[in-house]
mmCIF file of all heavy atoms, coordinates in Angstrom:
data_MODEL
# 
_entry.id   MODEL 
# 
loop_
_atom_site.group_PDB 
_atom_site.id 
_atom_site.type_symbol 
_atom_site.label_atom_id 
_atom_site.label_alt_id 
_atom_site.label_comp_id 
_atom_site.label_asym_id 
_atom_site.label_entity_id 
_atom_site.label_seq_id 
_atom_site.pdbx_PDB_ins_code 
_atom_site.Cartn_x 
_atom_site.Cartn_y 
_atom_site.Cartn_z 
_atom_site.occupancy 
_atom_site.B_iso_or_equiv 
_atom_site.pdbx_formal_charge 
_atom_site.auth_seq_id 
_atom_site.auth_comp_id 
_atom_site.auth_asym_id 
_atom_site.auth_atom_id 
_atom_site.pdbx_PDB_model_num 
ATOM 1   N N   . HIS A 1 1  ? 41.103 71.060 23.480 1.00 0.00 ? 1  HIS A N   1 
ATOM 2   C CA  . HIS A 1 1  ? 40.381 72.029 24.291 1.00 0.00 ? 1  HIS A CA  1 
ATOM 3   C C   . HIS A 1 1  ? 39.458 72.903 23.416 1.00 0.00 ? 1  HIS A C   1 
ATOM 4   O O   . HIS A 1 1  ? 39.756 73.193 22.270 1.00 0.00 ? 1  HIS A O   1 
ATOM 5   C CB  . HIS A 1 1  ? 41.332 72.972 25.041 1.00 0.00 ? 1  HIS A CB  1 
ATOM 6   C CG  . HIS A 1 1  ? 42.132 72.273 26.129 1.00 0.00 ? 1  HIS A CG  1 
ATOM 7   N ND1 . HIS A 1 1  ? 41.528 71.680 27.223 1.00 0.00 ? 1  HIS A ND1 1 
ATOM 8   C CD2 . HIS A 1 1  ? 43.449 72.103 26.299 1.00 0.00 ? 1  HIS A CD2 1 
ATOM 9   C CE1 . HIS A 1 1  ? 42.399 71.212 27.982 1.00 0.00 ? 1  HIS A CE1 1 
ATOM 10  N NE2 . HIS A 1 1  ? 43.599 71.420 27.467 1.00 0.00 ? 1  HIS A NE2 1 
ATOM 11  N N   . GLY A 1 2  ? 38.410 73.357 24.031 1.00 0.00 ? 2  GLY A N   1 
ATOM 12  C CA  . GLY A 1 2  ? 37.480 74.282 23.391 1.00 0.00 ? 2  GLY A CA  1 
ATOM 13  C C   . GLY A 1 2  ? 36.512 74.778 24.426 1.00 0.00 ? 2  GLY A C   1 
ATOM 14  O O   . GLY A 1 2  ? 36.562 74.373 25.621 1.00 0.00 ? 2  GLY A O   1 
ATOM 15  N N   . ASN A 1 3  ? 35.633 75.645 24.014 1.00 0.00 ? 3  ASN A N   1 
ATOM 16  C CA  . ASN A 1 3  ? 34.568 76.104 24.823 1.00 0.00 ? 3  ASN A CA  1 
ATOM 17  C C   . ASN A 1 3  ? 33.333 76.353 23.955 1.00 0.00 ? 3  ASN A C   1 
ATOM 18  O O   . ASN A 1 3  ? 33.341 75.973 22.827 1.00 0.00 ? 3  ASN A O   1 
ATOM 19  C CB  . ASN A 1 3  ? 34.941 77.255 25.736 1.00 0.00 ? 3  ASN A CB  1 
ATOM 20  C CG  . ASN A 1 3  ? 35.387 78.480 24.996 1.00 0.00 ? 3  ASN A CG  1 
ATOM 21  O OD1 . ASN A 1 3  ? 34.838 78.801 23.931 1.00 0.00 ? 3  ASN A OD1 1 
ATOM 22  N ND2 . ASN A 1 3  ? 36.398 79.169 25.524 1.00 0.00 ? 3  ASN A ND2 1 
ATOM 23  N N   . GLU A 1 4  ? 32.349 77.068 24.500 1.00 0.00 ? 4  GLU A N   1 
ATOM 24  C CA  . GLU A 1 4  ? 31.126 77.268 23.703 1.00 0.00 ? 4  GLU A CA  1 
ATOM 25  C C   . GLU A 1 4  ? 31.289 78.040 22.456 1.00 0.00 ? 4  GLU A C   1 
ATOM 26  O O   . GLU A 1 4  ? 30.460 77.976 21.553 1.00 0.00 ? 4  GLU A O   1 
ATOM 27  C CB  . GLU A 1 4  ? 30.033 77.858 24.577 1.00 0.00 ? 4  GLU A CB  1 
ATOM 28  C CG  . GLU A 1 4  ? 30.293 79.229 25.086 1.00 0.00 ? 4  GLU A CG  1 
ATOM 29  C CD  . GLU A 1 4  ? 31.104 79.295 26.411 1.00 0.00 ? 4  GLU A CD  1 
ATOM 30  O OE1 . GLU A 1 4  ? 31.319 78.188 26.998 1.00 0.00 ? 4  GLU A OE1 1 
ATOM 31  O OE2 . GLU A 1 4  ? 31.454 80.390 26.844 1.00 0.00 ? 4  GLU A OE2 1 
ATOM 32  N N   . ASP A 1 5  ? 32.416 78.761 22.277 1.00 0.00 ? 5  ASP A N   1 
ATOM 33  C CA  . ASP A 1 5  ? 32.562 79.525 21.068 1.00 0.00 ? 5  ASP A CA  1 
ATOM 34  C C   . ASP A 1 5  ? 33.915 79.315 20.357 1.00 0.00 ? 5  ASP A C   1 
ATOM 35  O O   . ASP A 1 5  ? 34.216 80.088 19.440 1.00 0.00 ? 5  ASP A O   1 
ATOM 36  C CB  . ASP A 1 5  ? 32.371 80.996 21.373 1.00 0.00 ? 5  ASP A CB  1 
ATOM 37  C CG  . ASP A 1 5  ? 33.455 81.636 22.210 1.00 0.00 ? 5  ASP A CG  1 
ATOM 38  O OD1 . ASP A 1 5  ? 34.286 80.872 22.760 1.00 0.00 ? 5  ASP A OD1 1 
ATOM 39  O OD2 . ASP A 1 5  ? 33.478 82.885 22.361 1.00 0.00 ? 5  ASP A OD2 1 
ATOM 40  N N   . CYS A 1 6  ? 34.671 78.296 20.667 1.00 0.00 ? 6  CYS A N   1 
ATOM 41  C CA  . CYS A 1 6  ? 35.925 78.109 19.956 1.00 0.00 ? 6  CYS A CA  1 
ATOM 42  C C   . CYS A 1 6  ? 36.501 76.742 20.181 1.00 0.00 ? 6  CYS A C   1 
ATOM 43  O O   . CYS A 1 6  ? 36.138 76.018 21.112 1.00 0.00 ? 6  CYS A O   1 
ATOM 44  C CB  . CYS A 1 6  ? 36.940 79.159 20.327 1.00 0.00 ? 6  CYS A CB  1 
ATOM 45  S SG  . CYS A 1 6  ? 37.694 78.947 21.965 1.00 0.00 ? 6  CYS A SG  1 
ATOM 46  N N   . HIS A 1 7  ? 37.456 76.416 19.303 1.00 0.00 ? 7  HIS A N   1 
ATOM 47  C CA  . HIS A 1 7  ? 38.338 75.248 19.435 1.00 0.00 ? 7  HIS A CA  1 
ATOM 48  C C   . HIS A 1 7  ? 39.759 75.847 19.521 1.00 0.00 ? 7  HIS A C   1 
ATOM 49  O O   . HIS A 1 7  ? 40.102 76.763 18.809 1.00 0.00 ? 7  HIS A O   1 
ATOM 50  C CB  . HIS A 1 7  ? 38.277 74.311 18.212 1.00 0.00 ? 7  HIS A CB  1 
ATOM 51  C CG  . HIS A 1 7  ? 37.030 73.557 18.076 1.00 0.00 ? 7  HIS A CG  1 
ATOM 52  N ND1 . HIS A 1 7  ? 36.635 73.050 16.894 1.00 0.00 ? 7  HIS A ND1 1 
ATOM 53  C CD2 . HIS A 1 7  ? 36.088 73.207 18.969 1.00 0.00 ? 7  HIS A CD2 1 
ATOM 54  C CE1 . HIS A 1 7  ? 35.487 72.436 17.072 1.00 0.00 ? 7  HIS A CE1 1 
ATOM 55  N NE2 . HIS A 1 7  ? 35.116 72.515 18.327 1.00 0.00 ? 7  HIS A NE2 1 
ATOM 56  N N   . TYR A 1 8  ? 40.551 75.252 20.388 1.00 0.00 ? 8  TYR A N   1 
ATOM 57  C CA  . TYR A 1 8  ? 41.956 75.713 20.551 1.00 0.00 ? 8  TYR A CA  1 
ATOM 58  C C   . TYR A 1 8  ? 42.906 74.808 19.829 1.00 0.00 ? 8  TYR A C   1 
ATOM 59  O O   . TYR A 1 8  ? 42.742 73.577 19.806 1.00 0.00 ? 8  TYR A O   1 
ATOM 60  C CB  . TYR A 1 8  ? 42.329 75.751 22.054 1.00 0.00 ? 8  TYR A CB  1 
ATOM 61  C CG  . TYR A 1 8  ? 41.730 76.878 22.771 1.00 0.00 ? 8  TYR A CG  1 
ATOM 62  C CD1 . TYR A 1 8  ? 40.553 76.777 23.492 1.00 0.00 ? 8  TYR A CD1 1 
ATOM 63  C CD2 . TYR A 1 8  ? 42.321 78.164 22.738 1.00 0.00 ? 8  TYR A CD2 1 
ATOM 64  C CE1 . TYR A 1 8  ? 39.962 77.852 24.175 1.00 0.00 ? 8  TYR A CE1 1 
ATOM 65  C CE2 . TYR A 1 8  ? 41.779 79.227 23.435 1.00 0.00 ? 8  TYR A CE2 1 
ATOM 66  C CZ  . TYR A 1 8  ? 40.581 79.074 24.116 1.00 0.00 ? 8  TYR A CZ  1 
ATOM 67  O OH  . TYR A 1 8  ? 40.031 80.145 24.791 1.00 0.00 ? 8  TYR A OH  1 
ATOM 68  N N   . GLY A 1 9  ? 43.963 75.400 19.270 1.00 0.00 ? 9  GLY A N   1 
ATOM 69  C CA  . GLY A 1 9  ? 45.041 74.647 18.632 1.00 0.00 ? 9  GLY A CA  1 
ATOM 70  C C   . GLY A 1 9  ? 46.318 74.692 19.523 1.00 0.00 ? 9  GLY A C   1 
ATOM 71  O O   . GLY A 1 9  ? 47.220 73.951 19.227 1.00 0.00 ? 9  GLY A O   1 
ATOM 72  N N   . SER A 1 10 ? 46.326 75.538 20.473 1.00 0.00 ? 10 SER A N   1 
ATOM 73  C CA  . SER A 1 10 ? 47.429 75.645 21.470 1.00 0.00 ? 10 SER A CA  1 
ATOM 74  C C   . SER A 1 10 ? 46.818 76.240 22.694 1.00 0.00 ? 10 SER A C   1 
ATOM 75  O O   . SER A 1 10 ? 45.622 76.487 22.774 1.00 0.00 ? 10 SER A O   1 
ATOM 76  C CB  . SER A 1 10 ? 48.555 76.484 20.897 1.00 0.00 ? 10 SER A CB  1 
ATOM 77  O OG  . SER A 1 10 ? 48.154 77.836 20.854 1.00 0.00 ? 10 SER A OG  1 
ATOM 78  N N   . SER A 1 11 ? 47.667 76.458 23.683 1.00 0.00 ? 11 SER A N   1 
ATOM 79  C CA  . SER A 1 11 ? 47.167 76.998 24.972 1.00 0.00 ? 11 SER A CA  1 
ATOM 80  C C   . SER A 1 11 ? 46.526 78.375 24.803 1.00 0.00 ? 11 SER A C   1 
ATOM 81  O O   . SER A 1 11 ? 45.716 78.814 25.623 1.00 0.00 ? 11 SER A O   1 
ATOM 82  C CB  . SER A 1 11 ? 48.281 77.063 25.982 1.00 0.00 ? 11 SER A CB  1 
ATOM 83  O OG  . SER A 1 11 ? 49.312 77.911 25.554 1.00 0.00 ? 11 SER A OG  1 
ATOM 84  N N   . ASN A 1 12 ? 46.828 79.081 23.680 1.00 0.00 ? 12 ASN A N   1 
ATOM 85  C CA  . ASN A 1 12 ? 46.294 80.446 23.521 1.00 0.00 ? 12 ASN A CA  1 
ATOM 86  C C   . ASN A 1 12 ? 45.822 80.783 22.135 1.00 0.00 ? 12 ASN A C   1 
ATOM 87  O O   . ASN A 1 12 ? 45.385 81.899 21.906 1.00 0.00 ? 12 ASN A O   1 
ATOM 88  C CB  . ASN A 1 12 ? 47.335 81.489 23.993 1.00 0.00 ? 12 ASN A CB  1 
ATOM 89  C CG  . ASN A 1 12 ? 48.587 81.446 23.177 1.00 0.00 ? 12 ASN A CG  1 
ATOM 90  O OD1 . ASN A 1 12 ? 48.744 80.588 22.296 1.00 0.00 ? 12 ASN A OD1 1 
ATOM 91  N ND2 . ASN A 1 12 ? 49.488 82.349 23.409 1.00 0.00 ? 12 ASN A ND2 1 
ATOM 92  N N   . GLU A 1 13 ? 45.866 79.865 21.201 1.00 0.00 ? 13 GLU A N   1 
ATOM 93  C CA  . GLU A 1 13 ? 45.448 80.187 19.807 1.00 0.00 ? 13 GLU A CA  1 
ATOM 94  C C   . GLU A 1 13 ? 44.104 79.497 19.478 1.00 0.00 ? 13 GLU A C   1 
ATOM 95  O O   . GLU A 1 13 ? 44.004 78.276 19.493 1.00 0.00 ? 13 GLU A O   1 
ATOM 96  C CB  . GLU A 1 13 ? 46.488 79.780 18.797 1.00 0.00 ? 13 GLU A CB  1 
ATOM 97  C CG  . GLU A 1 13 ? 46.059 80.238 17.408 1.00 0.00 ? 13 GLU A CG  1 
ATOM 98  C CD  . GLU A 1 13 ? 47.165 80.245 16.368 1.00 0.00 ? 13 GLU A CD  1 
ATOM 99  O OE1 . GLU A 1 13 ? 48.277 79.793 16.672 1.00 0.00 ? 13 GLU A OE1 1 
ATOM 100 O OE2 . GLU A 1 13 ? 46.941 80.766 15.286 1.00 0.00 ? 13 GLU A OE2 1 
ATOM 101 N N   . LYS A 1 14 ? 43.118 80.304 19.175 1.00 0.00 ? 14 LYS A N   1 
ATOM 102 C CA  . LYS A 1 14 ? 41.831 79.798 18.733 1.00 0.00 ? 14 LYS A CA  1 
ATOM 103 C C   . LYS A 1 14 ? 41.871 79.484 17.258 1.00 0.00 ? 14 LYS A C   1 
ATOM 104 O O   . LYS A 1 14 ? 42.087 80.409 16.442 1.00 0.00 ? 14 LYS A O   1 
ATOM 105 C CB  . LYS A 1 14 ? 40.710 80.863 19.029 1.00 0.00 ? 14 LYS A CB  1 
ATOM 106 C CG  . LYS A 1 14 ? 40.581 81.119 20.523 1.00 0.00 ? 14 LYS A CG  1 
ATOM 107 C CD  . LYS A 1 14 ? 39.543 82.234 20.746 1.00 0.00 ? 14 LYS A CD  1 
ATOM 108 C CE  . LYS A 1 14 ? 39.432 82.556 22.234 1.00 0.00 ? 14 LYS A CE  1 
ATOM 109 N NZ  . LYS A 1 14 ? 38.434 83.600 22.532 1.00 0.00 ? 14 LYS A NZ  1 
ATOM 110 N N   . ILE A 1 15 ? 41.724 78.224 16.890 1.00 0.00 ? 15 ILE A N   1 
ATOM 111 C CA  . ILE A 1 15 ? 41.792 77.858 15.474 1.00 0.00 ? 15 ILE A CA  1 
ATOM 112 C C   . ILE A 1 15 ? 40.472 77.995 14.808 1.00 0.00 ? 15 ILE A C   1 
ATOM 113 O O   . ILE A 1 15 ? 40.414 78.257 13.572 1.00 0.00 ? 15 ILE A O   1 
ATOM 114 C CB  . ILE A 1 15 ? 42.392 76.454 15.306 1.00 0.00 ? 15 ILE A CB  1 
ATOM 115 C CG1 . ILE A 1 15 ? 41.605 75.388 16.103 1.00 0.00 ? 15 ILE A CG1 1 
ATOM 116 C CG2 . ILE A 1 15 ? 43.858 76.487 15.711 1.00 0.00 ? 15 ILE A CG2 1 
ATOM 117 C CD1 . ILE A 1 15 ? 42.019 73.971 15.835 1.00 0.00 ? 15 ILE A CD1 1 
ATOM 118 N N   . VAL A 1 16 ? 39.377 77.801 15.521 1.00 0.00 ? 16 VAL A N   1 
ATOM 119 C CA  . VAL A 1 16 ? 38.038 78.075 15.014 1.00 0.00 ? 16 VAL A CA  1 
ATOM 120 C C   . VAL A 1 16 ? 37.287 78.801 16.126 1.00 0.00 ? 16 VAL A C   1 
ATOM 121 O O   . VAL A 1 16 ? 37.255 78.341 17.232 1.00 0.00 ? 16 VAL A O   1 
ATOM 122 C CB  . VAL A 1 16 ? 37.275 76.773 14.605 1.00 0.00 ? 16 VAL A CB  1 
ATOM 123 C CG1 . VAL A 1 16 ? 35.836 77.129 14.201 1.00 0.00 ? 16 VAL A CG1 1 
ATOM 124 C CG2 . VAL A 1 16 ? 37.994 76.019 13.532 1.00 0.00 ? 16 VAL A CG2 1 
ATOM 125 N N   . ASN A 1 17 ? 36.715 79.953 15.752 1.00 0.00 ? 17 ASN A N   1 
ATOM 126 C CA  . ASN A 1 17 ? 35.871 80.658 16.711 1.00 0.00 ? 17 ASN A CA  1 
ATOM 127 C C   . ASN A 1 17 ? 34.777 81.396 15.954 1.00 0.00 ? 17 ASN A C   1 
ATOM 128 O O   . ASN A 1 17 ? 34.583 81.128 14.780 1.00 0.00 ? 17 ASN A O   1 
ATOM 129 C CB  . ASN A 1 17 ? 36.756 81.641 17.574 1.00 0.00 ? 17 ASN A CB  1 
ATOM 130 C CG  . ASN A 1 17 ? 37.367 82.735 16.828 1.00 0.00 ? 17 ASN A CG  1 
ATOM 131 O OD1 . ASN A 1 17 ? 37.159 82.911 15.613 1.00 0.00 ? 17 ASN A OD1 1 
ATOM 132 N ND2 . ASN A 1 17 ? 38.180 83.541 17.494 1.00 0.00 ? 17 ASN A ND2 1 
ATOM 133 N N   . LEU A 1 18 ? 34.024 82.285 16.626 1.00 0.00 ? 18 LEU A N   1 
ATOM 134 C CA  . LEU A 1 18 ? 32.921 82.929 15.955 1.00 0.00 ? 18 LEU A CA  1 
ATOM 135 C C   . LEU A 1 18 ? 33.334 83.835 14.812 1.00 0.00 ? 18 LEU A C   1 
ATOM 136 O O   . LEU A 1 18 ? 32.538 84.138 13.927 1.00 0.00 ? 18 LEU A O   1 
ATOM 137 C CB  . LEU A 1 18 ? 32.152 83.744 17.010 1.00 0.00 ? 18 LEU A CB  1 
ATOM 138 C CG  . LEU A 1 18 ? 31.497 82.919 18.120 1.00 0.00 ? 18 LEU A CG  1 
ATOM 139 C CD1 . LEU A 1 18 ? 30.800 83.818 19.168 1.00 0.00 ? 18 LEU A CD1 1 
ATOM 140 C CD2 . LEU A 1 18 ? 30.546 81.876 17.550 1.00 0.00 ? 18 LEU A CD2 1 
ATOM 141 N N   . LYS A 1 19 ? 34.626 84.212 14.745 1.00 0.00 ? 19 LYS A N   1 
ATOM 142 C CA  . LYS A 1 19 ? 35.052 85.124 13.624 1.00 0.00 ? 19 LYS A CA  1 
ATOM 143 C C   . LYS A 1 19 ? 35.315 84.309 12.358 1.00 0.00 ? 19 LYS A C   1 
ATOM 144 O O   . LYS A 1 19 ? 35.264 84.877 11.275 1.00 0.00 ? 19 LYS A O   1 
ATOM 145 C CB  . LYS A 1 19 ? 36.310 85.870 14.057 1.00 0.00 ? 19 LYS A CB  1 
ATOM 146 C CG  . LYS A 1 19 ? 36.098 86.863 15.141 1.00 0.00 ? 19 LYS A CG  1 
ATOM 147 C CD  . LYS A 1 19 ? 37.318 87.585 15.494 1.00 0.00 ? 19 LYS A CD  1 
ATOM 148 C CE  . LYS A 1 19 ? 37.067 88.623 16.586 1.00 0.00 ? 19 LYS A CE  1 
ATOM 149 N NZ  . LYS A 1 19 ? 38.293 89.337 17.022 1.00 0.00 ? 19 LYS A NZ  1 
ATOM 150 N N   . ASN A 1 20 ? 35.576 82.996 12.464 1.00 0.00 ? 20 ASN A N   1 
ATOM 151 C CA  . ASN A 1 20 ? 35.884 82.224 11.234 1.00 0.00 ? 20 ASN A CA  1 
ATOM 152 C C   . ASN A 1 20 ? 35.115 80.903 11.196 1.00 0.00 ? 20 ASN A C   1 
ATOM 153 O O   . ASN A 1 20 ? 35.416 80.064 10.387 1.00 0.00 ? 20 ASN A O   1 
ATOM 154 C CB  . ASN A 1 20 ? 37.361 81.946 11.140 1.00 0.00 ? 20 ASN A CB  1 
ATOM 155 C CG  . ASN A 1 20 ? 37.898 80.945 12.148 1.00 0.00 ? 20 ASN A CG  1 
ATOM 156 O OD1 . ASN A 1 20 ? 37.213 80.645 13.164 1.00 0.00 ? 20 ASN A OD1 1 
ATOM 157 N ND2 . ASN A 1 20 ? 39.078 80.424 11.905 1.00 0.00 ? 20 ASN A ND2 1 
ATOM 158 N N   . VAL A 1 21 ? 34.033 80.781 11.983 1.00 0.00 ? 21 VAL A N   1 
ATOM 159 C CA  . VAL A 1 21 ? 33.285 79.559 11.994 1.00 0.00 ? 21 VAL A CA  1 
ATOM 160 C C   . VAL A 1 21 ? 32.716 79.183 10.639 1.00 0.00 ? 21 VAL A C   1 
ATOM 161 O O   . VAL A 1 21 ? 32.452 78.006 10.343 1.00 0.00 ? 21 VAL A O   1 
ATOM 162 C CB  . VAL A 1 21 ? 32.170 79.607 13.113 1.00 0.00 ? 21 VAL A CB  1 
ATOM 163 C CG1 . VAL A 1 21 ? 31.064 80.543 12.705 1.00 0.00 ? 21 VAL A CG1 1 
ATOM 164 C CG2 . VAL A 1 21 ? 31.637 78.216 13.402 1.00 0.00 ? 21 VAL A CG2 1 
ATOM 165 N N   . ASN A 1 22 ? 32.532 80.162 9.803  1.00 0.00 ? 22 ASN A N   1 
ATOM 166 C CA  . ASN A 1 22 ? 32.018 79.889 8.451  1.00 0.00 ? 22 ASN A CA  1 
ATOM 167 C C   . ASN A 1 22 ? 32.912 78.941 7.687  1.00 0.00 ? 22 ASN A C   1 
ATOM 168 O O   . ASN A 1 22 ? 32.410 78.308 6.702  1.00 0.00 ? 22 ASN A O   1 
ATOM 169 C CB  . ASN A 1 22 ? 31.809 81.182 7.665  1.00 0.00 ? 22 ASN A CB  1 
ATOM 170 C CG  . ASN A 1 22 ? 33.119 81.949 7.436  1.00 0.00 ? 22 ASN A CG  1 
ATOM 171 O OD1 . ASN A 1 22 ? 33.935 82.014 8.316  1.00 0.00 ? 22 ASN A OD1 1 
ATOM 172 N ND2 . ASN A 1 22 ? 33.230 82.529 6.273  1.00 0.00 ? 22 ASN A ND2 1 
ATOM 173 N N   . ILE A 1 23 ? 34.142 78.781 8.040  1.00 0.00 ? 23 ILE A N   1 
ATOM 174 C CA  . ILE A 1 23 ? 35.009 77.812 7.352  1.00 0.00 ? 23 ILE A CA  1 
ATOM 175 C C   . ILE A 1 23 ? 34.576 76.377 7.537  1.00 0.00 ? 23 ILE A C   1 
ATOM 176 O O   . ILE A 1 23 ? 34.978 75.484 6.815  1.00 0.00 ? 23 ILE A O   1 
ATOM 177 C CB  . ILE A 1 23 ? 36.489 77.969 7.731  1.00 0.00 ? 23 ILE A CB  1 
ATOM 178 C CG1 . ILE A 1 23 ? 36.732 77.585 9.203  1.00 0.00 ? 23 ILE A CG1 1 
ATOM 179 C CG2 . ILE A 1 23 ? 37.045 79.328 7.415  1.00 0.00 ? 23 ILE A CG2 1 
ATOM 180 C CD1 . ILE A 1 23 ? 38.180 77.479 9.643  1.00 0.00 ? 23 ILE A CD1 1 
ATOM 181 N N   . LEU A 1 24 ? 33.678 76.148 8.506  1.00 0.00 ? 24 LEU A N   1 
ATOM 182 C CA  . LEU A 1 24 ? 33.156 74.765 8.739  1.00 0.00 ? 24 LEU A CA  1 
ATOM 183 C C   . LEU A 1 24 ? 31.891 74.497 7.953  1.00 0.00 ? 24 LEU A C   1 
ATOM 184 O O   . LEU A 1 24 ? 31.392 73.404 7.949  1.00 0.00 ? 24 LEU A O   1 
ATOM 185 C CB  . LEU A 1 24 ? 32.898 74.546 10.234 1.00 0.00 ? 24 LEU A CB  1 
ATOM 186 C CG  . LEU A 1 24 ? 34.124 74.592 11.147 1.00 0.00 ? 24 LEU A CG  1 
ATOM 187 C CD1 . LEU A 1 24 ? 33.707 74.404 12.602 1.00 0.00 ? 24 LEU A CD1 1 
ATOM 188 C CD2 . LEU A 1 24 ? 35.126 73.546 10.710 1.00 0.00 ? 24 LEU A CD2 1 
ATOM 189 N N   . SER A 1 25 ? 31.449 75.546 7.207  1.00 0.00 ? 25 SER A N   1 
ATOM 190 C CA  . SER A 1 25 ? 30.276 75.328 6.371  1.00 0.00 ? 25 SER A CA  1 
ATOM 191 C C   . SER A 1 25 ? 30.531 74.209 5.354  1.00 0.00 ? 25 SER A C   1 
ATOM 192 O O   . SER A 1 25 ? 31.641 74.123 4.791  1.00 0.00 ? 25 SER A O   1 
ATOM 193 C CB  . SER A 1 25 ? 29.935 76.648 5.614  1.00 0.00 ? 25 SER A CB  1 
ATOM 194 O OG  . SER A 1 25 ? 28.841 76.499 4.844  1.00 0.00 ? 25 SER A OG  1 
# 
């Protein structure tokens, strides 16, 4: 699951979002 600003690792935990997207650099 995900949406326009995140990927989910569980039903409620965002594993990548706008706050840490730089880790995908």
